Protein backbone atom coordinates (compact mmCIF):
# COMPACT_ATOMS: atom_id res chain seq x y z
CA MET A 1 0.00 0.00 -0.01
CA HIS A 2 1.46 3.36 -0.98
CA LYS A 3 1.65 6.40 1.28
CA GLN A 4 -0.53 9.47 0.86
CA ILE A 5 0.30 13.15 1.40
CA SER A 6 -2.23 15.97 1.15
CA SER A 7 -0.62 18.72 3.24
CA LEU A 8 1.85 21.31 1.97
CA GLN A 9 3.32 21.36 5.47
CA ASN A 10 4.39 17.73 5.33
CA PRO A 11 8.18 17.45 5.94
CA ALA A 12 8.60 15.26 2.83
CA ILE A 13 7.12 18.00 0.64
CA LYS A 14 9.25 20.69 2.25
CA ARG A 15 12.30 18.52 1.60
CA ILE A 16 11.43 18.16 -2.12
CA LEU A 17 11.08 21.94 -2.44
CA GLN A 18 14.50 22.39 -0.84
CA LEU A 19 16.01 19.87 -3.25
CA GLN A 20 14.49 21.74 -6.17
CA GLU A 21 15.70 25.14 -5.00
CA LYS A 22 19.12 24.53 -3.44
CA SER A 23 22.13 22.84 -4.99
CA ARG A 24 23.63 22.55 -1.50
CA ASN A 25 20.79 20.24 -0.46
CA ARG A 26 21.11 18.19 -3.63
CA ARG A 27 24.85 17.75 -3.03
CA LYS A 28 24.41 16.95 0.66
CA GLU A 29 21.85 14.20 0.02
CA GLY A 30 23.30 13.02 -3.29
CA VAL A 31 19.89 13.17 -4.93
CA PHE A 32 17.90 15.39 -7.30
CA THR A 33 14.35 15.80 -8.57
CA ALA A 34 12.84 15.28 -12.01
CA GLU A 35 9.28 15.53 -13.27
CA GLY A 36 7.36 14.04 -16.17
CA ILE A 37 7.08 10.60 -17.75
CA ARG A 38 9.67 11.19 -20.49
CA GLU A 39 12.32 12.57 -18.13
CA ILE A 40 11.77 9.81 -15.57
CA GLN A 41 11.87 7.07 -18.22
CA LEU A 42 15.10 8.52 -19.66
CA GLY A 43 16.58 8.64 -16.16
CA ILE A 44 15.81 4.98 -15.58
CA LYS A 45 17.11 4.04 -19.04
CA GLY A 46 20.26 6.05 -18.35
CA GLY A 47 21.02 3.94 -15.29
CA PHE A 48 20.01 6.45 -12.63
CA ARG A 49 18.58 4.86 -9.50
CA LEU A 50 15.03 6.02 -8.81
CA LYS A 51 14.60 6.31 -5.04
CA GLU A 52 11.18 7.93 -4.62
CA ILE A 53 8.25 8.77 -6.86
CA TYR A 54 5.21 10.94 -6.12
CA PHE A 55 2.04 10.87 -8.24
CA GLN A 56 -1.23 12.73 -8.42
CA PRO A 57 -4.22 10.43 -9.07
CA GLY A 58 -6.16 11.42 -12.16
CA LEU A 59 -3.00 12.52 -13.94
CA SER A 60 -1.11 9.31 -13.23
CA SER A 61 -1.59 6.05 -11.37
CA GLU A 62 0.35 3.47 -9.40
CA ASP A 63 -0.23 0.94 -12.16
CA GLU A 64 1.42 3.25 -14.72
CA ILE A 65 4.37 3.68 -12.38
CA LYS A 66 4.74 -0.07 -11.89
CA SER A 67 4.60 -0.58 -15.67
CA MET A 68 7.36 2.02 -16.09
CA LEU A 69 9.49 0.15 -13.54
CA GLU A 70 8.81 -3.30 -15.00
CA ASN A 71 12.41 -3.92 -16.09
CA ALA A 72 14.13 -1.90 -13.37
CA ASN A 73 16.17 -3.65 -10.69
CA PHE A 74 15.00 -1.30 -7.94
CA ARG A 75 11.72 -0.48 -6.26
CA PRO A 76 11.28 3.15 -5.23
CA ASP A 77 8.99 4.36 -2.50
CA ILE A 78 5.67 5.38 -4.10
CA THR A 79 3.60 8.19 -2.59
CA GLU A 80 0.24 9.59 -3.66
CA ILE A 81 -0.03 13.38 -3.43
CA SER A 82 -3.00 15.74 -3.65
CA SER A 83 -3.53 18.13 -6.57
CA GLU A 84 -2.62 21.04 -4.27
CA VAL A 85 0.70 19.44 -3.37
CA TYR A 86 1.43 18.53 -6.99
CA LYS A 87 0.79 22.10 -8.16
CA LYS A 88 3.23 23.34 -5.54
CA LEU A 89 5.97 20.89 -6.61
CA ALA A 90 5.54 20.90 -10.40
CA TYR A 91 7.37 23.45 -12.55
CA ARG A 92 4.88 22.95 -15.35
CA GLY A 93 1.38 21.54 -15.46
CA SER A 94 1.94 19.14 -18.34
CA THR A 95 4.20 16.62 -16.62
CA GLU A 96 1.61 13.90 -16.17
CA GLY A 97 1.39 14.16 -12.39
CA LEU A 98 4.79 12.61 -11.61
CA ILE A 99 7.66 13.91 -9.47
CA ALA A 100 10.70 11.70 -8.91
CA ILE A 101 13.79 11.72 -6.74
CA PHE A 102 16.86 10.12 -8.32
CA GLN A 103 20.23 9.28 -6.86
CA SER A 104 22.98 11.44 -8.38
CA LYS A 105 25.92 10.02 -10.32
CA THR A 106 29.51 11.18 -10.22
CA SER A 107 30.63 13.17 -13.26
CA THR A 108 34.42 13.13 -13.14
CA LEU A 109 36.68 12.86 -16.17
CA LYS A 110 37.83 9.40 -15.05
CA ASP A 111 34.21 8.21 -15.32
CA LEU A 112 34.20 8.80 -19.08
CA GLN A 113 34.33 5.73 -21.30
CA PHE A 114 34.51 6.05 -25.07
CA SER A 115 33.10 3.29 -27.26
CA SER A 116 34.32 5.08 -30.39
CA GLU A 117 37.97 4.85 -31.46
CA LYS A 118 37.80 8.48 -32.57
CA PRO A 119 35.54 10.21 -30.06
CA LEU A 120 33.75 13.47 -30.76
CA ILE A 121 33.38 15.59 -27.64
CA LEU A 122 31.53 18.85 -27.00
CA ILE A 123 33.08 21.08 -24.32
CA ALA A 124 31.56 24.24 -22.88
CA GLU A 125 33.57 26.51 -20.61
CA ALA A 126 31.73 28.14 -17.71
CA PRO A 127 28.20 28.20 -19.15
CA GLU A 128 25.97 30.07 -16.72
CA LYS A 129 22.41 29.89 -18.03
CA PRO A 130 20.61 26.60 -17.36
CA GLY A 131 18.70 27.07 -20.61
CA ASN A 132 21.93 27.19 -22.60
CA ILE A 133 23.30 24.12 -20.83
CA GLY A 134 20.08 22.26 -21.54
CA ALA A 135 20.23 23.26 -25.21
CA LEU A 136 23.88 22.13 -25.43
CA LEU A 137 22.89 18.75 -24.01
CA ARG A 138 20.04 18.43 -26.52
CA THR A 139 22.44 19.26 -29.35
CA ALA A 140 24.97 16.69 -28.13
CA ASP A 141 22.26 14.05 -27.85
CA ALA A 142 20.98 14.82 -31.37
CA ALA A 143 24.53 14.47 -32.74
CA ASN A 144 25.20 11.37 -30.62
CA ALA A 145 28.39 12.98 -29.31
CA ASP A 146 30.62 10.68 -27.28
CA ALA A 147 30.63 13.04 -24.30
CA VAL A 148 29.81 16.51 -23.04
CA ILE A 149 32.31 18.13 -20.70
CA ILE A 150 31.55 21.27 -18.69
CA ALA A 151 34.67 23.23 -17.74
CA ASN A 152 34.52 25.34 -14.58
CA PRO A 153 30.77 24.75 -14.09
CA LYS A 154 28.72 27.58 -12.58
CA THR A 155 25.78 25.39 -11.60
CA ASP A 156 25.28 21.73 -10.81
CA LEU A 157 24.05 19.41 -13.54
CA TYR A 158 20.95 18.46 -11.59
CA ASN A 159 19.49 21.95 -11.42
CA PRO A 160 15.78 21.41 -12.26
CA ASN A 161 16.01 24.11 -14.94
CA ILE A 162 18.79 22.16 -16.72
CA ILE A 163 16.85 18.90 -16.54
CA ARG A 164 13.74 20.63 -17.87
CA SER A 165 15.45 22.60 -20.67
CA SER A 166 17.45 19.53 -21.74
CA VAL A 167 14.16 17.54 -21.97
CA GLY A 168 15.91 14.73 -20.14
CA CYS A 169 19.17 14.82 -22.13
CA VAL A 170 21.01 15.11 -18.82
CA PHE A 171 20.29 11.37 -18.71
CA THR A 172 21.12 10.48 -22.32
CA ASN A 173 24.57 12.07 -22.60
CA GLN A 174 27.83 10.97 -21.04
CA ILE A 175 28.73 14.08 -19.01
CA ALA A 176 31.79 15.11 -17.02
CA THR A 177 32.91 18.26 -15.27
CA GLY A 178 36.33 19.57 -14.32
CA SER A 179 38.59 22.59 -14.38
CA THR A 180 39.93 23.87 -17.70
CA SER A 181 43.44 22.68 -16.73
CA GLU A 182 42.22 19.19 -15.81
CA ILE A 183 40.25 18.85 -19.03
CA ILE A 184 43.12 20.01 -21.26
CA ALA A 185 45.45 17.52 -19.57
CA PHE A 186 42.83 14.77 -20.04
CA LEU A 187 42.41 15.55 -23.75
CA LYS A 188 46.16 15.50 -24.33
CA ARG A 189 46.55 12.16 -22.56
CA GLN A 190 43.81 10.75 -24.79
CA ASN A 191 45.36 12.29 -27.97
CA ILE A 192 42.15 14.22 -28.66
CA LYS A 193 42.62 17.33 -30.77
CA ILE A 194 41.32 20.62 -29.37
CA TYR A 195 39.33 22.91 -31.64
CA ALA A 196 38.56 26.14 -29.85
CA ALA A 197 35.79 28.41 -31.15
CA ALA A 198 37.52 31.81 -31.07
CA LEU A 199 38.10 34.85 -33.27
CA GLN A 200 41.89 34.99 -32.88
CA ASP A 201 44.13 33.12 -35.35
CA SER A 202 41.13 31.15 -36.47
CA LYS A 203 40.26 29.04 -39.50
CA ASN A 204 36.88 28.63 -41.15
CA TYR A 205 35.26 25.64 -39.40
CA ALA A 206 34.28 24.12 -42.75
CA GLU A 207 37.98 23.87 -43.71
CA VAL A 208 38.95 21.84 -40.64
CA ASP A 209 39.15 18.04 -40.56
CA PHE A 210 37.13 16.72 -37.61
CA ARG A 211 37.36 13.06 -38.60
CA GLU A 212 40.02 12.22 -36.02
CA SER A 213 39.44 12.30 -32.24
CA SER A 214 38.13 15.83 -31.71
CA ALA A 215 36.99 18.13 -28.92
CA ILE A 216 34.97 21.16 -30.00
CA VAL A 217 35.23 23.84 -27.32
CA VAL A 218 32.85 26.79 -26.95
CA GLY A 219 32.86 29.63 -24.44
CA THR A 220 30.33 32.12 -23.19
CA GLU A 221 28.80 34.71 -25.51
CA ALA A 222 29.99 37.49 -23.24
CA THR A 223 33.68 36.61 -22.73
CA GLY A 224 34.45 33.71 -25.06
CA LEU A 225 37.10 31.17 -24.06
CA SER A 226 39.84 31.70 -21.51
CA SER A 227 43.42 32.17 -22.71
CA GLU A 228 44.32 28.68 -21.44
CA TRP A 229 42.16 27.11 -24.15
CA LEU A 230 43.58 29.38 -26.85
CA GLU A 231 47.15 28.53 -25.81
CA ASN A 232 46.47 24.79 -25.95
CA SER A 233 44.21 24.70 -29.00
CA ASP A 234 45.36 22.62 -31.96
CA GLN A 235 43.33 24.95 -34.16
CA ASN A 236 41.03 27.87 -33.41
CA ILE A 237 37.88 27.78 -35.52
CA ILE A 238 35.37 30.41 -36.55
CA ILE A 239 31.89 30.43 -38.06
CA PRO A 240 31.88 33.16 -40.74
CA MET A 241 29.05 35.65 -40.15
CA SER A 242 27.55 38.14 -42.56
CA GLY A 243 25.47 40.27 -40.19
CA GLU A 244 26.21 43.20 -37.93
CA ILE A 245 27.32 41.16 -34.89
CA ASP A 246 30.20 38.73 -34.46
CA SER A 247 28.68 36.23 -32.02
CA MET A 248 25.71 33.91 -31.74
CA ASN A 249 24.04 31.88 -29.02
CA VAL A 250 26.48 29.31 -27.68
CA SER A 251 24.18 26.35 -28.23
CA VAL A 252 23.50 27.43 -31.83
CA ALA A 253 27.24 27.76 -32.51
CA ALA A 254 27.89 24.37 -30.91
CA GLY A 255 25.19 22.81 -33.09
CA ILE A 256 26.71 24.17 -36.31
CA LEU A 257 30.19 22.97 -35.37
CA ILE A 258 29.34 19.51 -34.07
CA PHE A 259 27.07 18.72 -37.01
CA GLU A 260 29.82 19.73 -39.44
CA ALA A 261 31.97 17.15 -37.65
CA LYS A 262 29.17 14.58 -38.00
CA ARG A 263 28.77 15.46 -41.69
CA GLN A 264 32.47 14.82 -42.25
CA ARG A 265 32.16 11.50 -40.48
CA GLY A 266 29.26 10.51 -42.74
CA PHE A 267 26.77 10.87 -39.84
CA LEU A 268 27.89 7.41 -38.70
CA ASN A 269 27.11 6.25 -35.14
């Protein structure tokens, strides 16, 4: 028999709100929240351990949850919540009445495992906006990149806004974080060429050969990449622009660059 919660003052509900709002609480407990059938299914498929799930009757049911967990090797605690509680917890009303708590995974460079002999990696240095990070993860998923690496992260990967804007691609990508220095050292050990998106000493991206092991590195729209990347880049690359400005949204730029690499590789894998 599942539990039931109808009060906004219930300690379990207050805890979920804290997990949604504070990265400190997520780090301390080693868990994070996600909402919606698609996101939760992708989390399970991605090997994340589902610890707790909360559902609003009418929008979802215990039978649907059990069906979703049919092939999982864990059994989360299932709790029924009232519509008032669900409205308080949900970021959007179209998430099918489901809120989940997953166990976090580590995201260190040593956790990365490449199945491809010539990996294609997308790297973003110090992205700040969760929406941009989510869009980068969607782009990497669409291109089936071997990994996404966040250098000098400004927010934790399990920020609800990142999970939401990535439409669950937090779960579908292989992701690591580290300092710029650590990542550069890692790439050099792995013999992965560094292609830094920058204006200085750059080459048209369409004239660069991305068919070998490649890391495409993008910076923020405001400040670009740090000098450390430029000093260690095998080749700086640029997207020629014909308008009045010389920059574009980081996720758009990353999409153009990584799909040129995929085009050169024949869109294989």
